[in-house]
Amino acid sequence: MQTTASWTIDVRDWEDPQGIALRASQRAELDERYGCDDHEPGPLPSAEDVAVFLMAFGPDGAAIGCGALRELDAGSAEIKRMYVVPGSRGSGVAAALLAALEDAARDRGWTTVKLETGDEQPEAIRFYEREGYHRIPRFGHYADWDISVCYAKSLG
């Protein structure tokens, strides 16, 4: 668990009710941004395939962010459902969540993390590039998905 004066990050179950609410808010935000609900190819993350689910909580105990890891292969994982509620953006919680996900990946022996974001998400693109991620060719289910922008970071 990671704690600051402003928030706490903790491992939670994928089915945590506050986690479900965060993911629904993320989905609604993306649906509005893309003008449709068809903006993610491939299987959606689930309790069966998410290895780690982290949530950030504000000082009042309200969930303010989340992120997950899904194993891609023995050496790598994919970051899924990285989201911070609008009122907590710019607070440092997103960077802390990302760092905690990277630590969790290292703990599991993964040496690379990858992620996909969309071409209509310039804030996410700037954030991941600022955090040391480099753009890679679209991978997996995203290979033929024109709106996908993919990144990776070596955890070596």
C-alpha atoms as a PDB file:
ATOM      1  CA  MET A   1       0.000   0.000   0.000  1.00  0.00           C
ATOM      2  CA  GLN A   2       1.227   3.505  -0.852  1.00  0.00           C
ATOM      3  CA  THR A   3      -0.020   6.520   1.106  1.00  0.00           C
ATOM      4  CA  THR A   4       0.359  10.283   0.872  1.00  0.00           C
ATOM      5  CA  ALA A   5      -1.478  13.072   2.653  1.00  0.00           C
ATOM      6  CA  SER A   6      -3.833  13.263  -0.326  1.00  0.00           C
ATOM      7  CA  TRP A   7      -4.489   9.648  -1.326  1.00  0.00           C
ATOM      8  CA  THR A   8      -3.808   5.961  -0.753  1.00  0.00           C
ATOM      9  CA  ILE A   9      -3.168   3.243  -3.347  1.00  0.00           C
ATOM     10  CA  ASP A  10      -4.160  -0.314  -2.518  1.00  0.00           C
ATOM     11  CA  VAL A  11      -4.682  -3.678  -4.220  1.00  0.00           C
ATOM     12  CA  ARG A  12      -8.360  -4.482  -4.651  1.00  0.00           C
ATOM     13  CA  ASP A  13     -10.480  -7.184  -6.185  1.00  0.00           C
ATOM     14  CA  TRP A  14     -11.548  -6.566  -9.790  1.00  0.00           C
ATOM     15  CA  GLU A  15     -15.180  -6.801  -8.661  1.00  0.00           C
ATOM     16  CA  ASP A  16     -14.829  -4.117  -5.972  1.00  0.00           C
ATOM     17  CA  PRO A  17     -17.988  -1.965  -6.307  1.00  0.00           C
ATOM     18  CA  GLN A  18     -16.007   1.284  -6.337  1.00  0.00           C
ATOM     19  CA  GLY A  19     -13.730  -0.186  -9.018  1.00  0.00           C
ATOM     20  CA  ILE A  20     -16.733  -1.113 -11.122  1.00  0.00           C
ATOM     21  CA  ALA A  21     -18.006   2.472 -10.763  1.00  0.00           C
ATOM     22  CA  LEU A  22     -14.614   3.919 -11.792  1.00  0.00           C
ATOM     23  CA  ARG A  23     -14.459   1.706 -14.872  1.00  0.00           C
ATOM     24  CA  ALA A  24     -18.028   2.675 -15.810  1.00  0.00           C
ATOM     25  CA  SER A  25     -17.097   6.364 -15.516  1.00  0.00           C
ATOM     26  CA  GLN A  26     -14.054   5.785 -17.704  1.00  0.00           C
ATOM     27  CA  ARG A  27     -16.185   3.989 -20.282  1.00  0.00           C
ATOM     28  CA  ALA A  28     -18.761   6.800 -20.340  1.00  0.00           C
ATOM     29  CA  GLU A  29     -16.017   9.393 -20.770  1.00  0.00           C
ATOM     30  CA  LEU A  30     -14.495   7.461 -23.686  1.00  0.00           C
ATOM     31  CA  ASP A  31     -17.889   6.813 -25.289  1.00  0.00           C
ATOM     32  CA  GLU A  32     -18.505  10.552 -25.265  1.00  0.00           C
ATOM     33  CA  ARG A  33     -15.027  11.369 -26.578  1.00  0.00           C
ATOM     34  CA  TYR A  34     -15.248   8.889 -29.470  1.00  0.00           C
ATOM     35  CA  GLY A  35     -18.957   9.351 -30.131  1.00  0.00           C
ATOM     36  CA  CYS A  36     -19.588   5.611 -29.899  1.00  0.00           C
ATOM     37  CA  ASP A  37     -19.050   2.622 -27.636  1.00  0.00           C
ATOM     38  CA  ASP A  38     -16.892   0.737 -30.157  1.00  0.00           C
ATOM     39  CA  HIS A  39     -13.433   1.976 -29.237  1.00  0.00           C
ATOM     40  CA  GLU A  40     -11.705  -1.107 -27.846  1.00  0.00           C
ATOM     41  CA  PRO A  41     -10.959  -4.251 -29.842  1.00  0.00           C
ATOM     42  CA  GLY A  42     -10.376  -7.646 -28.310  1.00  0.00           C
ATOM     43  CA  PRO A  43     -11.591  -9.161 -25.068  1.00  0.00           C
ATOM     44  CA  LEU A  44     -12.411  -6.756 -22.283  1.00  0.00           C
ATOM     45  CA  PRO A  45     -10.401  -7.235 -19.084  1.00  0.00           C
ATOM     46  CA  SER A  46     -12.088  -9.443 -16.511  1.00  0.00           C
ATOM     47  CA  ALA A  47     -11.548 -10.950 -13.080  1.00  0.00           C
ATOM     48  CA  GLU A  48     -10.238 -14.059 -14.847  1.00  0.00           C
ATOM     49  CA  ASP A  49      -7.436 -12.339 -16.740  1.00  0.00           C
ATOM     50  CA  VAL A  50      -6.472  -9.320 -14.619  1.00  0.00           C
ATOM     51  CA  ALA A  51      -3.482 -10.194 -12.459  1.00  0.00           C
ATOM     52  CA  VAL A  52      -3.451  -6.962 -10.436  1.00  0.00           C
ATOM     53  CA  PHE A  53      -6.056  -4.277  -9.865  1.00  0.00           C
ATOM     54  CA  LEU A  54      -5.039  -1.148  -7.959  1.00  0.00           C
ATOM     55  CA  MET A  55      -7.260   1.636  -6.736  1.00  0.00           C
ATOM     56  CA  ALA A  56      -6.451   5.067  -5.372  1.00  0.00           C
ATOM     57  CA  PHE A  57      -8.575   6.547  -2.599  1.00  0.00           C
ATOM     58  CA  GLY A  58      -8.854  10.154  -1.490  1.00  0.00           C
ATOM     59  CA  PRO A  59      -8.598  11.202   2.172  1.00  0.00           C
ATOM     60  CA  ASP A  60     -12.363  10.761   2.518  1.00  0.00           C
ATOM     61  CA  GLY A  61     -12.146   7.127   1.325  1.00  0.00           C
ATOM     62  CA  ALA A  62     -13.717   7.808  -2.067  1.00  0.00           C
ATOM     63  CA  ALA A  63     -12.179   5.987  -5.025  1.00  0.00           C
ATOM     64  CA  ILE A  64     -10.348   8.470  -7.266  1.00  0.00           C
ATOM     65  CA  GLY A  65      -8.415   6.254  -9.674  1.00  0.00           C
ATOM     66  CA  CYS A  66      -7.571   2.762 -10.822  1.00  0.00           C
ATOM     67  CA  GLY A  67      -5.347   0.674 -13.043  1.00  0.00           C
ATOM     68  CA  ALA A  68      -4.812  -2.995 -13.819  1.00  0.00           C
ATOM     69  CA  LEU A  69      -2.275  -5.419 -15.254  1.00  0.00           C
ATOM     70  CA  ARG A  70      -3.089  -8.254 -17.626  1.00  0.00           C
ATOM     71  CA  GLU A  71      -0.354 -10.757 -18.509  1.00  0.00           C
ATOM     72  CA  LEU A  72       0.603 -10.807 -22.186  1.00  0.00           C
ATOM     73  CA  ASP A  73       3.356 -13.439 -21.949  1.00  0.00           C
ATOM     74  CA  ALA A  74       5.991 -14.633 -19.483  1.00  0.00           C
ATOM     75  CA  GLY A  75       7.953 -11.387 -19.806  1.00  0.00           C
ATOM     76  CA  SER A  76       5.313  -8.709 -20.268  1.00  0.00           C
ATOM     77  CA  ALA A  77       2.003  -7.329 -19.102  1.00  0.00           C
ATOM     78  CA  GLU A  78      -0.487  -4.835 -20.438  1.00  0.00           C
ATOM     79  CA  ILE A  79      -1.775  -1.886 -18.451  1.00  0.00           C
ATOM     80  CA  LYS A  80      -5.574  -1.791 -18.544  1.00  0.00           C
ATOM     81  CA  ARG A  81      -8.208   0.589 -17.208  1.00  0.00           C
ATOM     82  CA  MET A  82      -5.860   3.335 -16.117  1.00  0.00           C
ATOM     83  CA  TYR A  83      -8.222   6.077 -14.991  1.00  0.00           C
ATOM     84  CA  VAL A  84      -8.341   9.033 -12.611  1.00  0.00           C
ATOM     85  CA  VAL A  85     -11.546  10.935 -11.908  1.00  0.00           C
ATOM     86  CA  PRO A  86     -11.524  14.451 -13.395  1.00  0.00           C
ATOM     87  CA  GLY A  87     -11.389  16.224 -10.018  1.00  0.00           C
ATOM     88  CA  SER A  88      -8.160  14.409  -9.055  1.00  0.00           C
ATOM     89  CA  ARG A  89      -6.275  14.876 -12.311  1.00  0.00           C
ATOM     90  CA  GLY A  90      -3.094  16.870 -11.946  1.00  0.00           C
ATOM     91  CA  SER A  91      -2.647  15.765  -8.331  1.00  0.00           C
ATOM     92  CA  GLY A  92       0.095  13.203  -9.016  1.00  0.00           C
ATOM     93  CA  VAL A  93      -2.162  10.237  -8.354  1.00  0.00           C
ATOM     94  CA  ALA A  94      -1.962   9.006 -11.971  1.00  0.00           C
ATOM     95  CA  ALA A  95       1.837   8.918 -11.878  1.00  0.00           C
ATOM     96  CA  ALA A  96       1.724   7.152  -8.516  1.00  0.00           C
ATOM     97  CA  LEU A  97      -0.766   4.574  -9.821  1.00  0.00           C
ATOM     98  CA  LEU A  98       1.396   3.957 -12.879  1.00  0.00           C
ATOM     99  CA  ALA A  99       4.526   3.566 -10.723  1.00  0.00           C
ATOM    100  CA  ALA A 100       2.666   1.142  -8.447  1.00  0.00           C
ATOM    101  CA  LEU A 101       1.571  -0.901 -11.480  1.00  0.00           C
ATOM    102  CA  GLU A 102       5.164  -0.990 -12.722  1.00  0.00           C
ATOM    103  CA  ASP A 103       6.326  -2.175  -9.278  1.00  0.00           C
ATOM    104  CA  ALA A 104       3.650  -4.883  -9.289  1.00  0.00           C
ATOM    105  CA  ALA A 105       4.807  -5.991 -12.751  1.00  0.00           C
ATOM    106  CA  ARG A 106       8.426  -6.210 -11.561  1.00  0.00           C
ATOM    107  CA  ASP A 107       7.281  -8.230  -8.535  1.00  0.00           C
ATOM    108  CA  ARG A 108       5.764 -10.766 -10.936  1.00  0.00           C
ATOM    109  CA  GLY A 109       8.911 -10.976 -13.056  1.00  0.00           C
ATOM    110  CA  TRP A 110       7.598  -9.003 -16.006  1.00  0.00           C
ATOM    111  CA  THR A 111      10.294  -6.886 -17.601  1.00  0.00           C
ATOM    112  CA  THR A 112       8.118  -4.930 -20.038  1.00  0.00           C
ATOM    113  CA  VAL A 113       4.774  -3.217 -19.731  1.00  0.00           C
ATOM    114  CA  LYS A 114       2.748  -2.243 -22.754  1.00  0.00           C
ATOM    115  CA  LEU A 115      -0.419  -0.266 -23.162  1.00  0.00           C
ATOM    116  CA  GLU A 116      -2.879   1.000 -25.706  1.00  0.00           C
ATOM    117  CA  THR A 117      -4.551   4.355 -25.718  1.00  0.00           C
ATOM    118  CA  GLY A 118      -6.526   6.116 -28.403  1.00  0.00           C
ATOM    119  CA  ASP A 119      -5.663   8.772 -30.928  1.00  0.00           C
ATOM    120  CA  GLU A 120      -8.403  10.972 -29.419  1.00  0.00           C
ATOM    121  CA  GLN A 121      -6.708  10.950 -26.005  1.00  0.00           C
ATOM    122  CA  PRO A 122      -3.884  13.514 -26.269  1.00  0.00           C
ATOM    123  CA  GLU A 123      -3.719  13.906 -22.488  1.00  0.00           C
ATOM    124  CA  ALA A 124      -2.988  10.187 -22.084  1.00  0.00           C
ATOM    125  CA  ILE A 125      -0.407  10.285 -24.865  1.00  0.00           C
ATOM    126  CA  ARG A 126       1.418  13.197 -23.198  1.00  0.00           C
ATOM    127  CA  PHE A 127       1.214  11.496 -19.796  1.00  0.00           C
ATOM    128  CA  TYR A 128       2.687   8.170 -20.935  1.00  0.00           C
ATOM    129  CA  GLU A 129       5.453   9.854 -22.915  1.00  0.00           C
ATOM    130  CA  ARG A 130       6.300  12.012 -19.902  1.00  0.00           C
ATOM    131  CA  GLU A 131       6.461   8.854 -17.766  1.00  0.00           C
ATOM    132  CA  GLY A 132       9.070   7.240 -20.030  1.00  0.00           C
ATOM    133  CA  TYR A 133       6.922   5.168 -22.373  1.00  0.00           C
ATOM    134  CA  HIS A 134       7.923   4.973 -26.023  1.00  0.00           C
ATOM    135  CA  ARG A 135       5.616   4.460 -28.947  1.00  0.00           C
ATOM    136  CA  ILE A 136       5.618   0.983 -30.472  1.00  0.00           C
ATOM    137  CA  PRO A 137       3.788  -0.625 -33.391  1.00  0.00           C
ATOM    138  CA  ARG A 138       0.220  -1.613 -32.575  1.00  0.00           C
ATOM    139  CA  PHE A 139       0.233  -5.084 -31.022  1.00  0.00           C
ATOM    140  CA  GLY A 140      -2.191  -7.945 -30.445  1.00  0.00           C
ATOM    141  CA  HIS A 141      -5.845  -7.040 -30.867  1.00  0.00           C
ATOM    142  CA  TYR A 142      -4.865  -3.464 -31.643  1.00  0.00           C
ATOM    143  CA  ALA A 143      -2.716  -4.320 -34.695  1.00  0.00           C
ATOM    144  CA  ASP A 144      -5.437  -3.417 -37.204  1.00  0.00           C
ATOM    145  CA  TRP A 145      -7.236  -0.847 -35.071  1.00  0.00           C
ATOM    146  CA  ASP A 146      -6.498   2.539 -36.638  1.00  0.00           C
ATOM    147  CA  ILE A 147      -7.429   4.602 -33.575  1.00  0.00           C
ATOM    148  CA  SER A 148      -4.980   2.730 -31.320  1.00  0.00           C
ATOM    149  CA  VAL A 149      -1.717   4.266 -30.171  1.00  0.00           C
ATOM    150  CA  CYS A 150       0.532   1.766 -28.366  1.00  0.00           C
ATOM    151  CA  TYR A 151       3.401   2.260 -25.948  1.00  0.00           C
ATOM    152  CA  ALA A 152       5.899   0.170 -23.993  1.00  0.00           C
ATOM    153  CA  LYS A 153       8.391   0.629 -21.208  1.00  0.00           C
ATOM    154  CA  SER A 154      11.235  -1.622 -20.169  1.00  0.00           C
ATOM    155  CA  LEU A 155      11.297  -2.179 -16.423  1.00  0.00           C
ATOM    156  CA  GLY A 156      14.946  -3.330 -16.461  1.00  0.00           C
END
